[in-house]
Every structure is written in structure tokens, then in C-alpha cells.
Amino acid sequence: MLLGCPLARDDEIHRLKQSKPGAESYGLYLADGRQFHFRPRPNGHAATSIHVFDAFQKGALVVELDNREAIWQFFAHLKGT
């Protein structure tokens, strides 16, 4: 998914970091200083969506990704801003 998104085709350096084992520890750090943290909801194997927050732990909810179109729109918006 990340290799096919618009961020993969620019000249900036962005980082996807896993801070500890588990699905709830991924952060995307963009070259312009923005960061996004991904959390499955509901927690555990029953997750049906991914909530994206703008900061670690106490960040504000940016978007809920619950289908393929929402995922691609999220990445397109990141590139466009």
C-alpha cells in the first residue's frame, strides 16, 4: 500500500516506524514534520477499521479508514497538502 501511494513517488524522505511489536505501534512521519499514528478499531482481531491520529497517544482523530477508497483518499490528501 505504501509503495503505491503518492508519497512513494516524490523526492522527500518519509518514515514509517514501528515503535514496538504489535499492530498498534505504527507511525508515519512525513518530511514536512507531520506525523500520523494508526490504531485498529475495535482493538484486537475484530478490527474493522483503522483510526488515524495526528500525534502519539493523545492525538486528535484525523480520519477513520474503513474501506479501500478511504485509504487512497487519505494518502492522496497527504500529498496534496
C-alpha atoms as a PDB file:
ATOM      1  CA  MET A   1       0.000   0.000   0.000  1.00  0.00           C
ATOM      2  CA  LEU A   2       2.744   2.476   0.918  1.00  0.00           C
ATOM      3  CA  LEU A   3       4.785   1.687  -2.179  1.00  0.00           C
ATOM      4  CA  GLY A   4       1.845   2.520  -4.431  1.00  0.00           C
ATOM      5  CA  CYS A   5       0.754   5.720  -2.693  1.00  0.00           C
ATOM      6  CA  PRO A   6       1.619   9.232  -3.937  1.00  0.00           C
ATOM      7  CA  LEU A   7       4.170   9.687  -1.126  1.00  0.00           C
ATOM      8  CA  ALA A   8       6.322   6.949  -2.642  1.00  0.00           C
ATOM      9  CA  ARG A   9       6.737   8.960  -5.828  1.00  0.00           C
ATOM     10  CA  ASP A  10       8.149  12.221  -4.503  1.00  0.00           C
ATOM     11  CA  ASP A  11      11.669  13.335  -3.675  1.00  0.00           C
ATOM     12  CA  GLU A  12      11.097  13.727   0.073  1.00  0.00           C
ATOM     13  CA  ILE A  13      12.117  11.249   2.747  1.00  0.00           C
ATOM     14  CA  HIS A  14       9.203   9.918   4.813  1.00  0.00           C
ATOM     15  CA  ARG A  15       9.476   7.278   7.533  1.00  0.00           C
ATOM     16  CA  LEU A  16       7.137   4.500   8.595  1.00  0.00           C
ATOM     17  CA  LYS A  17       8.206   3.429  12.062  1.00  0.00           C
ATOM     18  CA  GLN A  18       7.095   0.604  14.313  1.00  0.00           C
ATOM     19  CA  SER A  19       7.954   1.659  17.854  1.00  0.00           C
ATOM     20  CA  LYS A  20       7.251  -1.731  19.459  1.00  0.00           C
ATOM     21  CA  PRO A  21       5.819  -5.102  18.405  1.00  0.00           C
ATOM     22  CA  GLY A  22       2.118  -5.136  17.597  1.00  0.00           C
ATOM     23  CA  ALA A  23      -0.379  -3.580  15.247  1.00  0.00           C
ATOM     24  CA  GLU A  24      -0.947  -0.514  17.424  1.00  0.00           C
ATOM     25  CA  SER A  25       2.550   0.902  17.250  1.00  0.00           C
ATOM     26  CA  TYR A  26       2.918   2.269  13.701  1.00  0.00           C
ATOM     27  CA  GLY A  27       3.660   5.901  12.975  1.00  0.00           C
ATOM     28  CA  LEU A  28       4.090   7.654   9.623  1.00  0.00           C
ATOM     29  CA  TYR A  29       6.472  10.611   9.832  1.00  0.00           C
ATOM     30  CA  LEU A  30       6.425  12.957   6.838  1.00  0.00           C
ATOM     31  CA  ALA A  31       9.334  15.103   5.704  1.00  0.00           C
ATOM     32  CA  ASP A  32       7.320  18.287   6.415  1.00  0.00           C
ATOM     33  CA  GLY A  33       7.012  17.405  10.128  1.00  0.00           C
ATOM     34  CA  ARG A  34       3.500  15.958  10.122  1.00  0.00           C
ATOM     35  CA  GLN A  35       3.001  12.603  11.790  1.00  0.00           C
ATOM     36  CA  PHE A  36       0.181  10.080  11.789  1.00  0.00           C
ATOM     37  CA  HIS A  37      -0.374   7.129  14.119  1.00  0.00           C
ATOM     38  CA  PHE A  38      -2.512   4.141  13.157  1.00  0.00           C
ATOM     39  CA  ARG A  39      -4.716   2.204  15.591  1.00  0.00           C
ATOM     40  CA  PRO A  40      -7.024  -0.727  14.729  1.00  0.00           C
ATOM     41  CA  ARG A  41     -10.601  -0.340  15.967  1.00  0.00           C
ATOM     42  CA  PRO A  42     -12.060  -2.101  17.761  1.00  0.00           C
ATOM     43  CA  ASN A  43      -8.866  -3.387  19.333  1.00  0.00           C
ATOM     44  CA  GLY A  44      -7.657  -6.872  18.579  1.00  0.00           C
ATOM     45  CA  HIS A  45      -8.530  -9.329  15.850  1.00  0.00           C
ATOM     46  CA  ALA A  46     -12.071  -7.973  15.490  1.00  0.00           C
ATOM     47  CA  ALA A  47     -10.828  -4.706  13.962  1.00  0.00           C
ATOM     48  CA  THR A  48     -12.906  -3.436  11.049  1.00  0.00           C
ATOM     49  CA  SER A  49     -11.242  -0.045  10.609  1.00  0.00           C
ATOM     50  CA  ILE A  50      -8.100   1.912  11.339  1.00  0.00           C
ATOM     51  CA  HIS A  51      -8.226   5.207  13.211  1.00  0.00           C
ATOM     52  CA  VAL A  52      -5.529   7.690  12.259  1.00  0.00           C
ATOM     53  CA  PHE A  53      -4.353  10.232  14.853  1.00  0.00           C
ATOM     54  CA  ASP A  54      -2.162  13.305  14.358  1.00  0.00           C
ATOM     55  CA  ALA A  55       0.102  12.687  17.361  1.00  0.00           C
ATOM     56  CA  PHE A  56       1.254   9.831  19.554  1.00  0.00           C
ATOM     57  CA  GLN A  57      -1.101   8.805  22.413  1.00  0.00           C
ATOM     58  CA  LYS A  58      -3.195  11.964  22.922  1.00  0.00           C
ATOM     59  CA  GLY A  59      -3.522  12.960  19.277  1.00  0.00           C
ATOM     60  CA  ALA A  60      -6.739  14.077  17.627  1.00  0.00           C
ATOM     61  CA  LEU A  61      -8.585  11.686  15.325  1.00  0.00           C
ATOM     62  CA  VAL A  62      -7.843  12.661  11.718  1.00  0.00           C
ATOM     63  CA  VAL A  63      -9.776  10.007   9.826  1.00  0.00           C
ATOM     64  CA  GLU A  64     -11.289   6.541  10.104  1.00  0.00           C
ATOM     65  CA  LEU A  65     -10.108   4.222   7.346  1.00  0.00           C
ATOM     66  CA  ASP A  66     -12.787   1.603   6.816  1.00  0.00           C
ATOM     67  CA  ASN A  67     -12.519   0.800   3.102  1.00  0.00           C
ATOM     68  CA  ARG A  68     -10.067   0.891   0.204  1.00  0.00           C
ATOM     69  CA  GLU A  69     -11.319   4.241  -1.100  1.00  0.00           C
ATOM     70  CA  ALA A  70     -10.837   5.908   2.291  1.00  0.00           C
ATOM     71  CA  ILE A  71      -7.245   4.660   2.420  1.00  0.00           C
ATOM     72  CA  TRP A  72      -6.365   6.019  -1.025  1.00  0.00           C
ATOM     73  CA  GLN A  73      -8.108   9.344  -0.315  1.00  0.00           C
ATOM     74  CA  PHE A  74      -6.089   9.691   2.883  1.00  0.00           C
ATOM     75  CA  PHE A  75      -2.799   9.219   1.035  1.00  0.00           C
ATOM     76  CA  ALA A  76      -3.852  11.498  -1.825  1.00  0.00           C
ATOM     77  CA  HIS A  77      -4.709  14.219   0.697  1.00  0.00           C
ATOM     78  CA  LEU A  78      -1.301  13.895   2.358  1.00  0.00           C
ATOM     79  CA  LYS A  79       0.444  14.518  -0.940  1.00  0.00           C
ATOM     80  CA  GLY A  80      -1.861  17.384  -1.862  1.00  0.00           C
ATOM     81  CA  THR A  81      -1.335  19.456   1.290  1.00  0.00           C
END
